[in-house]
């Protein structure tokens, strides 16, 4: 196989993997958006149904859903990181020693933990949302 054919094959593979990476990012954003809407909907429903005594478990639905979505988000971030690292290594072969976007991102310091490269903003978002959904039942249920 010629070097040119090899690089073309790698470029096709990178394009395919970047599509998978982008699909994972889109899923993560959708999960965030829908969880916020669902959580807001549950809180709105609870706020309008204060006359009848509700089971305590109902107040914890947003926290339980948030915890489950966090588990899925961590799996997505790990998969994104795996794909990104592989693409970065292949970019160096195709583009040259400076690589491309994934090579650039791999050197980013805006992460919570260098091994997993979870963006700081994402970590703060999930910590704030989980904290809020865990504290809200105590405050709202006793109003």
Protein backbone atom coordinates (compact mmCIF):
# COMPACT_ATOMS: atom_id res chain seq x y z
CA UNK A 1 0.00 0.00 0.00
CA UNK A 2 1.32 3.41 -0.92
CA UNK A 3 1.81 6.11 1.67
CA UNK A 4 -0.81 8.26 -0.05
CA UNK A 5 -3.43 5.47 0.03
CA UNK A 6 -2.57 4.83 3.67
CA UNK A 7 -3.08 8.51 4.56
CA UNK A 8 -6.33 8.61 2.60
CA UNK A 9 -7.54 5.57 4.51
CA UNK A 10 -6.56 7.20 7.80
CA UNK A 11 -8.31 10.42 6.78
CA UNK A 12 -11.50 8.44 6.05
CA UNK A 13 -11.22 6.67 9.40
CA UNK A 14 -10.71 10.00 11.19
CA UNK A 15 -13.78 11.43 9.46
CA UNK A 16 -15.85 8.42 10.53
CA UNK A 17 -14.63 8.55 14.12
CA UNK A 18 -15.18 12.31 14.28
CA UNK A 19 -18.80 11.60 13.24
CA UNK A 20 -19.12 9.18 16.17
CA UNK A 21 -17.53 11.73 18.49
CA UNK A 22 -19.93 14.44 17.31
CA UNK A 23 -22.89 12.07 17.77
CA UNK A 24 -21.79 11.46 21.37
CA UNK A 25 -21.49 15.21 21.96
CA UNK A 26 -24.96 15.75 20.50
CA UNK A 27 -26.38 13.03 22.77
CA UNK A 28 -24.73 14.63 25.81
CA UNK A 29 -26.23 18.04 24.97
CA UNK A 30 -29.65 16.46 24.40
CA UNK A 31 -29.50 14.68 27.74
CA UNK A 32 -28.63 17.94 29.49
CA UNK A 33 -31.42 19.86 27.76
CA UNK A 34 -34.11 17.21 28.32
CA UNK A 35 -33.10 16.63 31.92
CA UNK A 36 -33.40 20.34 32.68
CA UNK A 37 -36.83 20.46 31.02
CA UNK A 38 -38.00 17.31 32.80
CA UNK A 39 -36.67 18.48 36.16
CA UNK A 40 -38.34 21.86 35.72
CA UNK A 41 -41.57 20.13 34.73
CA UNK A 42 -41.53 17.91 37.82
CA UNK A 43 -40.86 20.89 40.10
CA UNK A 44 -43.65 22.87 38.40
CA UNK A 45 -46.06 19.96 38.80
CA UNK A 46 -45.11 19.56 42.45
CA UNK A 47 -45.56 23.29 43.04
CA UNK A 48 -49.12 23.16 41.65
CA UNK A 49 -50.15 20.02 43.56
CA UNK A 50 -49.57 21.12 47.14
CA UNK A 51 -53.07 20.32 48.45
CA UNK A 52 -52.87 16.53 48.30
CA UNK A 53 -50.15 14.83 50.34
CA UNK A 54 -47.66 13.34 47.94
CA UNK A 55 -45.39 10.39 48.61
CA UNK A 56 -41.89 11.45 49.62
CA UNK A 57 -40.41 9.53 46.68
CA UNK A 58 -42.05 11.95 44.21
CA UNK A 59 -39.92 14.78 45.58
CA UNK A 60 -36.79 12.78 44.81
CA UNK A 61 -37.60 12.00 41.15
CA UNK A 62 -35.47 14.91 39.81
CA UNK A 63 -32.48 13.87 41.94
CA UNK A 64 -32.79 10.22 40.87
CA UNK A 65 -33.07 11.21 37.21
CA UNK A 66 -30.11 13.58 37.53
CA UNK A 67 -27.98 10.85 39.09
CA UNK A 68 -28.88 8.40 36.30
CA UNK A 69 -28.13 10.95 33.58
CA UNK A 70 -24.78 11.75 35.23
CA UNK A 71 -23.85 8.08 34.93
CA UNK A 72 -24.68 8.18 31.21
CA UNK A 73 -22.82 11.47 30.76
CA UNK A 74 -19.68 10.03 32.37
CA UNK A 75 -19.86 7.07 29.96
CA UNK A 76 -20.23 9.51 27.04
CA UNK A 77 -17.31 11.66 28.23
CA UNK A 78 -15.09 8.59 28.56
CA UNK A 79 -16.03 7.45 25.06
CA UNK A 80 -15.46 10.96 23.69
CA UNK A 81 -12.07 11.04 25.38
CA UNK A 82 -11.14 7.64 23.95
CA UNK A 83 -12.17 8.67 20.43
CA UNK A 84 -10.48 12.05 20.76
CA UNK A 85 -7.20 10.51 21.89
CA UNK A 86 -7.20 8.02 19.02
CA UNK A 87 -8.04 10.71 16.47
CA UNK A 88 -5.27 12.94 17.87
CA UNK A 89 -2.68 10.18 17.37
CA UNK A 90 -3.84 9.56 13.80
CA UNK A 91 -3.98 13.28 12.98
CA UNK A 92 -0.23 13.49 13.51
CA UNK A 93 0.26 10.81 10.85
CA UNK A 94 -2.12 12.46 8.35
CA UNK A 95 -1.55 16.18 9.00
CA UNK A 96 1.96 16.26 10.41
CA UNK A 97 3.66 16.69 13.76
CA UNK A 98 1.40 19.59 14.82
CA UNK A 99 -1.67 17.43 14.28
CA UNK A 100 -5.15 18.93 14.07
CA UNK A 101 -8.00 19.96 16.35
CA UNK A 102 -8.01 16.85 18.54
CA UNK A 103 -4.25 17.14 19.02
CA UNK A 104 -4.76 20.75 20.09
CA UNK A 105 -7.60 19.86 22.48
CA UNK A 106 -5.54 17.03 24.00
CA UNK A 107 -3.15 19.69 25.32
CA UNK A 108 -5.96 21.72 26.92
CA UNK A 109 -5.69 22.51 30.62
CA UNK A 110 -9.38 23.44 31.07
CA UNK A 111 -10.27 20.09 32.57
CA UNK A 112 -11.11 18.75 36.01
CA UNK A 113 -8.87 15.72 35.71
CA UNK A 114 -6.14 15.28 33.13
CA UNK A 115 -6.83 11.57 32.65
CA UNK A 116 -10.51 11.92 31.77
CA UNK A 117 -10.52 15.46 30.35
CA UNK A 118 -13.94 16.28 31.74
CA UNK A 119 -14.48 19.96 30.95
CA UNK A 120 -14.68 22.19 34.01
CA UNK A 121 -17.98 23.72 32.87
CA UNK A 122 -19.57 20.27 32.55
CA UNK A 123 -18.35 19.22 35.98
CA UNK A 124 -19.70 22.40 37.57
CA UNK A 125 -23.02 22.04 35.74
CA UNK A 126 -23.55 18.49 37.01
CA UNK A 127 -22.39 19.24 40.57
CA UNK A 128 -24.73 22.24 40.77
CA UNK A 129 -27.67 20.37 39.28
CA UNK A 130 -27.21 17.32 41.52
CA UNK A 131 -26.80 19.50 44.61
CA UNK A 132 -29.91 21.50 43.74
CA UNK A 133 -32.03 18.43 43.04
CA UNK A 134 -30.89 16.81 46.29
CA UNK A 135 -31.53 19.88 48.46
CA UNK A 136 -34.80 20.97 46.84
CA UNK A 137 -36.94 18.15 48.30
CA UNK A 138 -36.03 19.23 51.84
CA UNK A 139 -36.92 22.85 51.12
CA UNK A 140 -40.00 22.31 48.94
CA UNK A 141 -41.56 19.42 50.86
CA UNK A 142 -41.58 21.45 54.08
CA UNK A 143 -43.14 24.61 52.63
